[in-house]
Amino acid sequence: MTGVAASHRKLLTVITEANLERDLVREIEAEGVGGYTISDVRGRGDQGLRASHWGHSSNIRVEIVCDTPLAERLLARLRAKYYEHYAIVMWVQDVEVLRPDKFR
């Protein structure tokens, strides 16, 4: 990005069952995350078609921009607690942020 001061961070994306939202927020905040975005999402995967308007069977996407150590701690924590018993997928991407003071 020419001419713009950017800083490298990680974008951790979690897609899971909407009924886990309250628990996930608790886990995320316990690790010290200052901010996150949660969206209702829909799609198709191993668990079949999931629509955001289906209530108990809807999905959410949680997005967290943070530094590498925090992303790694969150991945390990969420994987250990939720992977075995819930429909959940996670991935991490490298991102450049233009306001690094907003992200740990």
PDB file of N, CA and C in Angstrom:
ATOM      1  N   MET A   1       0.854  -1.172   0.000  1.00  0.00           N
ATOM      2  CA  MET A   1       0.000   0.000   0.000  1.00  0.00           C
ATOM      3  C   MET A   1       0.899   1.233   0.000  1.00  0.00           C
ATOM      4  N   THR A   2       1.028   1.826  -1.092  1.00  0.00           N
ATOM      5  CA  THR A   2       1.933   2.944  -1.260  1.00  0.00           C
ATOM      6  C   THR A   2       1.399   4.196  -0.580  1.00  0.00           C
ATOM      7  N   GLY A   3       2.273   4.842   0.193  1.00  0.00           N
ATOM      8  CA  GLY A   3       1.925   6.111   0.805  1.00  0.00           C
ATOM      9  C   GLY A   3       1.055   6.029   2.047  1.00  0.00           C
ATOM     10  N   VAL A   4       0.672   4.858   2.456  1.00  0.00           N
ATOM     11  CA  VAL A   4      -0.192   4.709   3.624  1.00  0.00           C
ATOM     12  C   VAL A   4       0.547   3.866   4.661  1.00  0.00           C
ATOM     13  N   ALA A   5       0.641   4.395   5.871  1.00  0.00           N
ATOM     14  CA  ALA A   5       1.288   3.637   6.944  1.00  0.00           C
ATOM     15  C   ALA A   5       0.351   2.522   7.412  1.00  0.00           C
ATOM     16  N   ALA A   6       0.776   1.294   7.185  1.00  0.00           N
ATOM     17  CA  ALA A   6      -0.040   0.146   7.568  1.00  0.00           C
ATOM     18  C   ALA A   6       0.746  -0.715   8.538  1.00  0.00           C
ATOM     19  N   SER A   7       0.030  -1.481   9.314  1.00  0.00           N
ATOM     20  CA  SER A   7       0.643  -2.374  10.284  1.00  0.00           C
ATOM     21  C   SER A   7       0.065  -3.772  10.095  1.00  0.00           C
ATOM     22  N   HIS A   8       0.899  -4.784  10.237  1.00  0.00           N
ATOM     23  CA  HIS A   8       0.471  -6.164  10.023  1.00  0.00           C
ATOM     24  C   HIS A   8      -0.202  -6.729  11.266  1.00  0.00           C
ATOM     25  N   ARG A   9      -1.318  -7.400  11.047  1.00  0.00           N
ATOM     26  CA  ARG A   9      -2.056  -8.095  12.084  1.00  0.00           C
ATOM     27  C   ARG A   9      -2.606  -9.387  11.486  1.00  0.00           C
ATOM     28  N   LYS A  10      -3.335 -10.136  12.297  1.00  0.00           N
ATOM     29  CA  LYS A  10      -4.027 -11.346  11.857  1.00  0.00           C
ATOM     30  C   LYS A  10      -5.525 -11.096  11.922  1.00  0.00           C
ATOM     31  N   LEU A  11      -6.244 -11.676  10.979  1.00  0.00           N
ATOM     32  CA  LEU A  11      -7.704 -11.695  11.009  1.00  0.00           C
ATOM     33  C   LEU A  11      -8.108 -13.126  11.296  1.00  0.00           C
ATOM     34  N   LEU A  12      -8.661 -13.352  12.474  1.00  0.00           N
ATOM     35  CA  LEU A  12      -9.180 -14.655  12.868  1.00  0.00           C
ATOM     36  C   LEU A  12     -10.675 -14.659  12.570  1.00  0.00           C
ATOM     37  N   THR A  13     -11.113 -15.615  11.759  1.00  0.00           N
ATOM     38  CA  THR A  13     -12.520 -15.748  11.413  1.00  0.00           C
ATOM     39  C   THR A  13     -13.027 -17.078  11.967  1.00  0.00           C
ATOM     40  N   VAL A  14     -14.161 -17.016  12.652  1.00  0.00           N
ATOM     41  CA  VAL A  14     -14.803 -18.196  13.228  1.00  0.00           C
ATOM     42  C   VAL A  14     -16.223 -18.252  12.686  1.00  0.00           C
ATOM     43  N   ILE A  15     -16.593 -19.379  12.105  1.00  0.00           N
ATOM     44  CA  ILE A  15     -17.982 -19.586  11.700  1.00  0.00           C
ATOM     45  C   ILE A  15     -18.497 -20.775  12.491  1.00  0.00           C
ATOM     46  N   THR A  16     -19.612 -20.545  13.180  1.00  0.00           N
ATOM     47  CA  THR A  16     -20.141 -21.580  14.065  1.00  0.00           C
ATOM     48  C   THR A  16     -21.626 -21.371  14.303  1.00  0.00           C
ATOM     49  N   GLU A  17     -22.166 -22.214  15.124  1.00  0.00           N
ATOM     50  CA  GLU A  17     -23.584 -22.186  15.482  1.00  0.00           C
ATOM     51  C   GLU A  17     -23.912 -20.917  16.273  1.00  0.00           C
ATOM     52  N   ALA A  18     -25.023 -20.284  15.922  1.00  0.00           N
ATOM     53  CA  ALA A  18     -25.423 -19.045  16.579  1.00  0.00           C
ATOM     54  C   ALA A  18     -25.657 -19.225  18.072  1.00  0.00           C
ATOM     55  N   ASN A  19     -26.068 -20.412  18.489  1.00  0.00           N
ATOM     56  CA  ASN A  19     -26.336 -20.621  19.912  1.00  0.00           C
ATOM     57  C   ASN A  19     -25.057 -20.574  20.755  1.00  0.00           C
ATOM     58  N   LEU A  20     -23.883 -20.538  20.127  1.00  0.00           N
ATOM     59  CA  LEU A  20     -22.614 -20.430  20.869  1.00  0.00           C
ATOM     60  C   LEU A  20     -22.162 -18.984  21.067  1.00  0.00           C
ATOM     61  N   GLU A  21     -22.903 -18.031  20.532  1.00  0.00           N
ATOM     62  CA  GLU A  21     -22.442 -16.643  20.548  1.00  0.00           C
ATOM     63  C   GLU A  21     -22.063 -16.154  21.949  1.00  0.00           C
ATOM     64  N   ARG A  22     -22.924 -16.324  22.905  1.00  0.00           N
ATOM     65  CA  ARG A  22     -22.653 -15.824  24.262  1.00  0.00           C
ATOM     66  C   ARG A  22     -21.394 -16.473  24.839  1.00  0.00           C
ATOM     67  N   ASP A  23     -21.241 -17.785  24.658  1.00  0.00           N
ATOM     68  CA  ASP A  23     -20.061 -18.484  25.169  1.00  0.00           C
ATOM     69  C   ASP A  23     -18.790 -18.032  24.445  1.00  0.00           C
ATOM     70  N   LEU A  24     -18.872 -17.874  23.127  1.00  0.00           N
ATOM     71  CA  LEU A  24     -17.702 -17.429  22.372  1.00  0.00           C
ATOM     72  C   LEU A  24     -17.265 -16.030  22.792  1.00  0.00           C
ATOM     73  N   VAL A  25     -18.224 -15.150  22.971  1.00  0.00           N
ATOM     74  CA  VAL A  25     -17.894 -13.795  23.416  1.00  0.00           C
ATOM     75  C   VAL A  25     -17.184 -13.844  24.764  1.00  0.00           C
ATOM     76  N   ARG A  26     -17.649 -14.677  25.657  1.00  0.00           N
ATOM     77  CA  ARG A  26     -17.005 -14.828  26.966  1.00  0.00           C
ATOM     78  C   ARG A  26     -15.559 -15.320  26.809  1.00  0.00           C
ATOM     79  N   GLU A  27     -15.352 -16.321  25.954  1.00  0.00           N
ATOM     80  CA  GLU A  27     -14.011 -16.870  25.706  1.00  0.00           C
ATOM     81  C   GLU A  27     -13.093 -15.807  25.094  1.00  0.00           C
ATOM     82  N   ILE A  28     -13.606 -15.095  24.110  1.00  0.00           N
ATOM     83  CA  ILE A  28     -12.823 -14.073  23.408  1.00  0.00           C
ATOM     84  C   ILE A  28     -12.427 -12.947  24.366  1.00  0.00           C
ATOM     85  N   GLU A  29     -13.384 -12.482  25.132  1.00  0.00           N
ATOM     86  CA  GLU A  29     -13.087 -11.395  26.064  1.00  0.00           C
ATOM     87  C   GLU A  29     -12.153 -11.848  27.185  1.00  0.00           C
ATOM     88  N   ALA A  30     -12.228 -13.116  27.590  1.00  0.00           N
ATOM     89  CA  ALA A  30     -11.332 -13.645  28.619  1.00  0.00           C
ATOM     90  C   ALA A  30      -9.876 -13.628  28.151  1.00  0.00           C
ATOM     91  N   GLU A  31      -9.649 -13.699  26.835  1.00  0.00           N
ATOM     92  CA  GLU A  31      -8.293 -13.645  26.282  1.00  0.00           C
ATOM     93  C   GLU A  31      -7.813 -12.211  26.088  1.00  0.00           C
ATOM     94  N   GLY A  32      -8.681 -11.233  26.360  1.00  0.00           N
ATOM     95  CA  GLY A  32      -8.266  -9.838  26.273  1.00  0.00           C
ATOM     96  C   GLY A  32      -8.569  -9.141  24.962  1.00  0.00           C
ATOM     97  N   VAL A  33      -9.422  -9.731  24.138  1.00  0.00           N
ATOM     98  CA  VAL A  33      -9.783  -9.093  22.874  1.00  0.00           C
ATOM     99  C   VAL A  33     -10.587  -7.831  23.172  1.00  0.00           C
ATOM    100  N   GLY A  34     -10.177  -6.738  22.554  1.00  0.00           N
ATOM    101  CA  GLY A  34     -10.855  -5.468  22.784  1.00  0.00           C
ATOM    102  C   GLY A  34     -12.029  -5.225  21.866  1.00  0.00           C
ATOM    103  N   GLY A  35     -12.035  -5.863  20.702  1.00  0.00           N
ATOM    104  CA  GLY A  35     -13.115  -5.648  19.752  1.00  0.00           C
ATOM    105  C   GLY A  35     -13.257  -6.820  18.808  1.00  0.00           C
ATOM    106  N   TYR A  36     -14.459  -6.997  18.289  1.00  0.00           N
ATOM    107  CA  TYR A  36     -14.760  -8.080  17.364  1.00  0.00           C
ATOM    108  C   TYR A  36     -16.035  -7.716  16.622  1.00  0.00           C
ATOM    109  N   THR A  37     -16.286  -8.415  15.544  1.00  0.00           N
ATOM    110  CA  THR A  37     -17.509  -8.223  14.761  1.00  0.00           C
ATOM    111  C   THR A  37     -18.206  -9.568  14.648  1.00  0.00           C
ATOM    112  N   ILE A  38     -19.514  -9.570  14.878  1.00  0.00           N
ATOM    113  CA  ILE A  38     -20.315 -10.788  14.747  1.00  0.00           C
ATOM    114  C   ILE A  38     -21.412 -10.522  13.726  1.00  0.00           C
ATOM    115  N   SER A  39     -21.529 -11.435  12.751  1.00  0.00           N
ATOM    116  CA  SER A  39     -22.536 -11.321  11.697  1.00  0.00           C
ATOM    117  C   SER A  39     -23.326 -12.613  11.609  1.00  0.00           C
ATOM    118  N   ASP A  40     -24.597 -12.505  11.240  1.00  0.00           N
ATOM    119  CA  ASP A  40     -25.391 -13.685  10.909  1.00  0.00           C
ATOM    120  C   ASP A  40     -24.996 -14.102   9.495  1.00  0.00           C
ATOM    121  N   VAL A  41     -24.776 -15.403   9.296  1.00  0.00           N
ATOM    122  CA  VAL A  41     -24.353 -15.892   7.985  1.00  0.00           C
ATOM    123  C   VAL A  41     -25.137 -17.138   7.602  1.00  0.00           C
ATOM    124  N   ARG A  42     -25.056 -17.494   6.358  1.00  0.00           N
ATOM    125  CA  ARG A  42     -25.691 -18.707   5.877  1.00  0.00           C
ATOM    126  C   ARG A  42     -24.780 -19.343   4.842  1.00  0.00           C
ATOM    127  N   GLY A  43     -24.981 -20.624   4.597  1.00  0.00           N
ATOM    128  CA  GLY A  43     -24.168 -21.317   3.610  1.00  0.00           C
ATOM    129  C   GLY A  43     -24.373 -22.812   3.682  1.00  0.00           C
ATOM    130  N   ARG A  44     -23.502 -23.538   3.012  1.00  0.00           N
ATOM    131  CA  ARG A  44     -23.597 -24.987   2.962  1.00  0.00           C
ATOM    132  C   ARG A  44     -22.229 -25.574   3.264  1.00  0.00           C
ATOM    133  N   GLY A  45     -22.195 -26.642   4.045  1.00  0.00           N
ATOM    134  CA  GLY A  45     -20.952 -27.323   4.390  1.00  0.00           C
ATOM    135  C   GLY A  45     -21.236 -28.741   4.824  1.00  0.00           C
ATOM    136  N   ASP A  46     -20.336 -29.312   5.627  1.00  0.00           N
ATOM    137  CA  ASP A  46     -20.499 -30.689   6.108  1.00  0.00           C
ATOM    138  C   ASP A  46     -21.812 -30.910   6.849  1.00  0.00           C
ATOM    139  N   GLN A  47     -22.295 -29.881   7.510  1.00  0.00           N
ATOM    140  CA  GLN A  47     -23.524 -30.003   8.280  1.00  0.00           C
ATOM    141  C   GLN A  47     -24.770 -29.745   7.434  1.00  0.00           C
ATOM    142  N   GLY A  48     -24.591 -29.549   6.114  1.00  0.00           N
ATOM    143  CA  GLY A  48     -25.719 -29.287   5.228  1.00  0.00           C
ATOM    144  C   GLY A  48     -25.966 -27.800   5.085  1.00  0.00           C
ATOM    145  N   LEU A  49     -27.130 -27.458   4.578  1.00  0.00           N
ATOM    146  CA  LEU A  49     -27.505 -26.068   4.360  1.00  0.00           C
ATOM    147  C   LEU A  49     -27.838 -25.414   5.689  1.00  0.00           C
ATOM    148  N   ARG A  50     -27.261 -24.235   5.927  1.00  0.00           N
ATOM    149  CA  ARG A  50     -27.519 -23.490   7.163  1.00  0.00           C
ATOM    150  C   ARG A  50     -27.973 -22.087   6.769  1.00  0.00           C
ATOM    151  N   ALA A  51     -29.185 -21.719   7.155  1.00  0.00           N
ATOM    152  CA  ALA A  51     -29.714 -20.399   6.823  1.00  0.00           C
ATOM    153  C   ALA A  51     -29.710 -19.516   8.051  1.00  0.00           C
ATOM    154  N   SER A  52     -29.427 -18.233   7.873  1.00  0.00           N
ATOM    155  CA  SER A  52     -29.327 -17.332   9.020  1.00  0.00           C
ATOM    156  C   SER A  52     -30.672 -17.072   9.685  1.00  0.00           C
ATOM    157  N   HIS A  53     -31.765 -17.329   9.005  1.00  0.00           N
ATOM    158  CA  HIS A  53     -33.085 -17.053   9.574  1.00  0.00           C
ATOM    159  C   HIS A  53     -33.718 -18.286  10.233  1.00  0.00           C
ATOM    160  N   TRP A  54     -32.983 -19.366  10.381  1.00  0.00           N
ATOM    161  CA  TRP A  54     -33.546 -20.591  10.926  1.00  0.00           C
ATOM    162  C   TRP A  54     -33.491 -20.673  12.446  1.00  0.00           C
ATOM    163  N   GLY A  55     -33.158 -19.595  13.106  1.00  0.00           N
ATOM    164  CA  GLY A  55     -33.164 -19.589  14.567  1.00  0.00           C
ATOM    165  C   GLY A  55     -32.145 -20.517  15.171  1.00  0.00           C
ATOM    166  N   HIS A  56     -32.599 -21.631  15.737  1.00  0.00           N
ATOM    167  CA  HIS A  56     -31.721 -22.544  16.474  1.00  0.00           C
ATOM    168  C   HIS A  56     -30.643 -23.176  15.603  1.00  0.00           C
ATOM    169  N   SER A  57     -30.815 -23.196  14.275  1.00  0.00           N
ATOM    170  CA  SER A  57     -29.802 -23.816  13.424  1.00  0.00           C
ATOM    171  C   SER A  57     -29.063 -22.794  12.562  1.00  0.00           C
ATOM    172  N   SER A  58     -29.088 -21.537  12.972  1.00  0.00           N
ATOM    173  CA  SER A  58     -28.398 -20.516  12.191  1.00  0.00           C
ATOM    174  C   SER A  58     -26.919 -20.457  12.565  1.00  0.00           C
ATOM    175  N   ASN A  59     -26.152 -19.747  11.759  1.00  0.00           N
ATOM    176  CA  ASN A  59     -24.718 -19.601  11.965  1.00  0.00           C
ATOM    177  C   ASN A  59     -24.344 -18.150  12.179  1.00  0.00           C
ATOM    178  N   ILE A  60     -23.198 -17.946  12.819  1.00  0.00           N
ATOM    179  CA  ILE A  60     -22.615 -16.625  12.964  1.00  0.00           C
ATOM    180  C   ILE A  60     -21.177 -16.672  12.468  1.00  0.00           C
ATOM    181  N   ARG A  61     -20.687 -15.505  12.082  1.00  0.00           N
ATOM    182  CA  ARG A  61     -19.274 -15.336  11.752  1.00  0.00           C
ATOM    183  C   ARG A  61     -18.720 -14.312  12.735  1.00  0.00           C
ATOM    184  N   VAL A  62     -17.663 -14.697  13.416  1.00  0.00           N
ATOM    185  CA  VAL A  62     -16.975 -13.813  14.358  1.00  0.00           C
ATOM    186  C   VAL A  62     -15.634 -13.453  13.727  1.00  0.00           C
ATOM    187  N   GLU A  63     -15.357 -12.163  13.631  1.00  0.00           N
ATOM    188  CA  GLU A  63     -14.099 -11.697  13.055  1.00  0.00           C
ATOM    189  C   GLU A  63     -13.346 -10.880  14.097  1.00  0.00           C
ATOM    190  N   ILE A  64     -12.068 -11.217  14.246  1.00  0.00           N
ATOM    191  CA  ILE A  64     -11.217 -10.567  15.239  1.00  0.00           C
ATOM    192  C   ILE A  64      -9.908 -10.192  14.566  1.00  0.00           C
ATOM    193  N   VAL A  65      -9.544  -8.924  14.628  1.00  0.00           N
ATOM    194  CA  VAL A  65      -8.241  -8.479  14.147  1.00  0.00           C
ATOM    195  C   VAL A  65      -7.361  -8.305  15.375  1.00  0.00           C
ATOM    196  N   CYS A  66      -6.210  -8.998  15.375  1.00  0.00           N
ATOM    197  CA  CYS A  66      -5.347  -8.977  16.559  1.00  0.00           C
ATOM    198  C   CYS A  66      -3.916  -9.339  16.162  1.00  0.00           C
ATOM    199  N   ASP A  67      -3.027  -9.318  17.131  1.00  0.00           N
ATOM    200  CA  ASP A  67      -1.649  -9.715  16.853  1.00  0.00           C
ATOM    201  C   ASP A  67      -1.542 -11.237  16.801  1.00  0.00           C
ATOM    202  N   THR A  68      -0.406 -11.727  16.324  1.00  0.00           N
ATOM    203  CA  THR A  68      -0.203 -13.164  16.127  1.00  0.00           C
ATOM    204  C   THR A  68      -0.326 -13.977  17.415  1.00  0.00           C
ATOM    205  N   PRO A  69       0.321 -13.573  18.518  1.00  0.00           N
ATOM    206  CA  PRO A  69       0.197 -14.384  19.737  1.00  0.00           C
ATOM    207  C   PRO A  69      -1.249 -14.522  20.224  1.00  0.00           C
ATOM    208  N   LEU A  70      -2.015 -13.445  20.146  1.00  0.00           N
ATOM    209  CA  LEU A  70      -3.412 -13.510  20.582  1.00  0.00           C
ATOM    210  C   LEU A  70      -4.216 -14.409  19.649  1.00  0.00           C
ATOM    211  N   ALA A  71      -4.003 -14.315  18.355  1.00  0.00           N
ATOM    212  CA  ALA A  71      -4.701 -15.191  17.403  1.00  0.00           C
ATOM    213  C   ALA A  71      -4.398 -16.656  17.700  1.00  0.00           C
ATOM    214  N   GLU A  72      -3.139 -16.962  17.978  1.00  0.00           N
ATOM    215  CA  GLU A  72      -2.759 -18.350  18.276  1.00  0.00           C
ATOM    216  C   GLU A  72      -3.395 -18.846  19.569  1.00  0.00           C
ATOM    217  N   ARG A  73      -3.445 -17.994  20.596  1.00  0.00           N
ATOM    218  CA  ARG A  73      -4.094 -18.389  21.866  1.00  0.00           C
ATOM    219  C   ARG A  73      -5.588 -18.638  21.663  1.00  0.00           C
ATOM    220  N   LEU A  74      -6.225 -17.756  20.924  1.00  0.00           N
ATOM    221  CA  LEU A  74      -7.659 -17.915  20.662  1.00  0.00           C
ATOM    222  C   LEU A  74      -7.951 -19.186  19.875  1.00  0.00           C
ATOM    223  N   LEU A  75      -7.164 -19.438  18.835  1.00  0.00           N
ATOM    224  CA  LEU A  75      -7.350 -20.663  18.053  1.00  0.00           C
ATOM    225  C   LEU A  75      -7.236 -21.898  18.937  1.00  0.00           C
ATOM    226  N   ALA A  76      -6.208 -21.946  19.747  1.00  0.00           N
ATOM    227  CA  ALA A  76      -6.002 -23.105  20.621  1.00  0.00           C
ATOM    228  C   ALA A  76      -7.147 -23.253  21.617  1.00  0.00           C
ATOM    229  N   ARG A  77      -7.562 -22.152  22.213  1.00  0.00           N
ATOM    230  CA  ARG A  77      -8.631 -22.192  23.220  1.00  0.00           C
ATOM    231  C   ARG A  77      -9.956 -22.646  22.614  1.00  0.00           C
ATOM    232  N   LEU A  78     -10.320 -22.057  21.485  1.00  0.00           N
ATOM    233  CA  LEU A  78     -11.599 -22.395  20.859  1.00  0.00           C
ATOM    234  C   LEU A  78     -11.583 -23.797  20.270  1.00  0.00           C
ATOM    235  N   ARG A  79     -10.465 -24.188  19.697  1.00  0.00           N
ATOM    236  CA  ARG A  79     -10.338 -25.546  19.147  1.00  0.00           C
ATOM    237  C   ARG A  79     -10.510 -26.574  20.256  1.00  0.00           C
ATOM    238  N   ALA A  80      -9.833 -26.376  21.375  1.00  0.00           N
ATOM    239  CA  ALA A  80      -9.898 -27.332  22.487  1.00  0.00           C
ATOM    240  C   ALA A  80     -11.303 -27.436  23.069  1.00  0.00           C
ATOM    241  N   LYS A  81     -12.001 -26.320  23.132  1.00  0.00           N
ATOM    242  CA  LYS A  81     -13.297 -26.320  23.805  1.00  0.00           C
ATOM    243  C   LYS A  81     -14.470 -26.701  22.894  1.00  0.00           C
ATOM    244  N   TYR A  82     -14.405 -26.369  21.595  1.00  0.00           N
ATOM    245  CA  TYR A  82     -15.595 -26.489  20.756  1.00  0.00           C
ATOM    246  C   TYR A  82     -15.494 -27.458  19.589  1.00  0.00           C
ATOM    247  N   TYR A  83     -14.304 -27.768  19.088  1.00  0.00           N
ATOM    248  CA  TYR A  83     -14.191 -28.568  17.867  1.00  0.00           C
ATOM    249  C   TYR A  83     -14.862 -29.931  17.965  1.00  0.00           C
ATOM    250  N   GLU A  84     -14.754 -30.582  19.073  1.00  0.00           N
ATOM    251  CA  GLU A  84     -15.258 -31.955  19.177  1.00  0.00           C
ATOM    252  C   GLU A  84     -16.783 -32.048  19.128  1.00  0.00           C
ATOM    253  N   HIS A  85     -17.477 -31.039  19.649  1.00  0.00           N
ATOM    254  CA  HIS A  85     -18.924 -31.177  19.834  1.00  0.00           C
ATOM    255  C   HIS A  85     -19.787 -30.196  19.044  1.00  0.00           C
ATOM    256  N   TYR A  86     -19.177 -29.287  18.291  1.00  0.00           N
ATOM    257  CA  TYR A  86     -19.961 -28.258  17.609  1.00  0.00           C
ATOM    258  C   TYR A  86     -19.522 -28.114  16.156  1.00  0.00           C
ATOM    259  N   ALA A  87     -20.437 -27.585  15.342  1.00  0.00           N
ATOM    260  CA  ALA A  87     -20.094 -27.236  13.962  1.00  0.00           C
ATOM    261  C   ALA A  87     -19.342 -25.909  14.024  1.00  0.00           C
ATOM    262  N   ILE A  88     -18.038 -25.948  13.779  1.00  0.00           N
ATOM    263  CA  ILE A  88     -17.217 -24.749  13.863  1.00  0.00           C
ATOM    264  C   ILE A  88     -16.036 -24.885  12.913  1.00  0.00           C
ATOM    265  N   VAL A  89     -15.758 -23.814  12.184  1.00  0.00           N
ATOM    266  CA  VAL A  89     -14.559 -23.730  11.358  1.00  0.00           C
ATOM    267  C   VAL A  89     -13.878 -22.405  11.668  1.00  0.00           C
ATOM    268  N   MET A  90     -12.553 -22.409  11.572  1.00  0.00           N
ATOM    269  CA  MET A  90     -11.786 -21.192  11.850  1.00  0.00           C
ATOM    270  C   MET A  90     -10.651 -21.097  10.845  1.00  0.00           C
ATOM    271  N   TRP A  91     -10.267 -19.873  10.543  1.00  0.00           N
ATOM    272  CA  TRP A  91      -9.077 -19.646   9.739  1.00  0.00           C
ATOM    273  C   TRP A  91      -8.467 -18.307  10.103  1.00  0.00           C
ATOM    274  N   VAL A  92      -7.198 -18.162   9.731  1.00  0.00           N
ATOM    275  CA  VAL A  92      -6.444 -16.944  10.026  1.00  0.00           C
ATOM    276  C   VAL A  92      -5.847 -16.422   8.730  1.00  0.00           C
ATOM    277  N   GLN A  93      -5.928 -15.118   8.556  1.00  0.00           N
ATOM    278  CA  GLN A  93      -5.345 -14.468   7.385  1.00  0.00           C
ATOM    279  C   GLN A  93      -4.450 -13.327   7.851  1.00  0.00           C
ATOM    280  N   ASP A  94      -3.427 -13.040   7.055  1.00  0.00           N
ATOM    281  CA  ASP A  94      -2.620 -11.852   7.283  1.00  0.00           C
ATOM    282  C   ASP A  94      -3.379 -10.655   6.731  1.00  0.00           C
ATOM    283  N   VAL A  95      -3.416  -9.571   7.503  1.00  0.00           N
ATOM    284  CA  VAL A  95      -4.067  -8.338   7.058  1.00  0.00           C
ATOM    285  C   VAL A  95      -3.178  -7.155   7.407  1.00  0.00           C
ATOM    286  N   GLU A  96      -3.397  -6.063   6.703  1.00  0.00           N
ATOM    287  CA  GLU A  96      -2.748  -4.804   7.025  1.00  0.00           C
ATOM    288  C   GLU A  96      -3.823  -3.849   7.514  1.00  0.00           C
ATOM    289  N   VAL A  97      -3.595  -3.245   8.660  1.00  0.00           N
ATOM    290  CA  VAL A  97      -4.569  -2.307   9.211  1.00  0.00           C
ATOM    291  C   VAL A  97      -4.012  -0.894   9.106  1.00  0.00           C
ATOM    292  N   LEU A  98      -4.898   0.042   8.889  1.00  0.00           N
ATOM    293  CA  LEU A  98      -4.483   1.425   8.706  1.00  0.00           C
ATOM    294  C   LEU A  98      -4.559   2.228   9.992  1.00  0.00           C
ATOM    295  N   ARG A  99      -5.149   1.673  11.014  1.00  0.00           N
ATOM    296  CA  ARG A  99      -5.207   2.313  12.334  1.00  0.00           C
ATOM    297  C   ARG A  99      -4.717   1.318  13.373  1.00  0.00           C
ATOM    298  N   PRO A 100      -3.427   1.045  13.410  1.00  0.00           N
ATOM    299  CA  PRO A 100      -2.892  -0.016  14.280  1.00  0.00           C
ATOM    300  C   PRO A 100      -3.170   0.191  15.762  1.00  0.00           C
ATOM    301  N   ASP A 101      -3.389   1.426  16.172  1.00  0.00           N
ATOM    302  CA  ASP A 101      -3.685   1.692  17.579  1.00  0.00           C
ATOM    303  C   ASP A 101      -5.024   1.095  18.001  1.00  0.00           C
ATOM    304  N   LYS A 102      -5.865   0.719  17.039  1.00  0.00           N
ATOM    305  CA  LYS A 102      -7.171   0.132  17.337  1.00  0.00           C
ATOM    306  C   LYS A 102      -7.107  -1.371  17.570  1.00  0.00           C
ATOM    307  N   PHE A 103      -5.960  -1.996  17.260  1.00  0.00           N
ATOM    308  CA  PHE A 103      -5.845  -3.446  17.313  1.00  0.00           C
ATOM    309  C   PHE A 103      -4.607  -3.861  18.099  1.00  0.00           C
ATOM    310  N   ARG A 104      -4.777  -4.830  19.015  1.00  0.00           N
ATOM    311  CA  ARG A 104      -3.634  -5.366  19.760  1.00  0.00           C
ATOM    312  C   ARG A 104      -2.800  -6.234  18.884  1.00  0.00           C
TER     313      ARG A 104
END
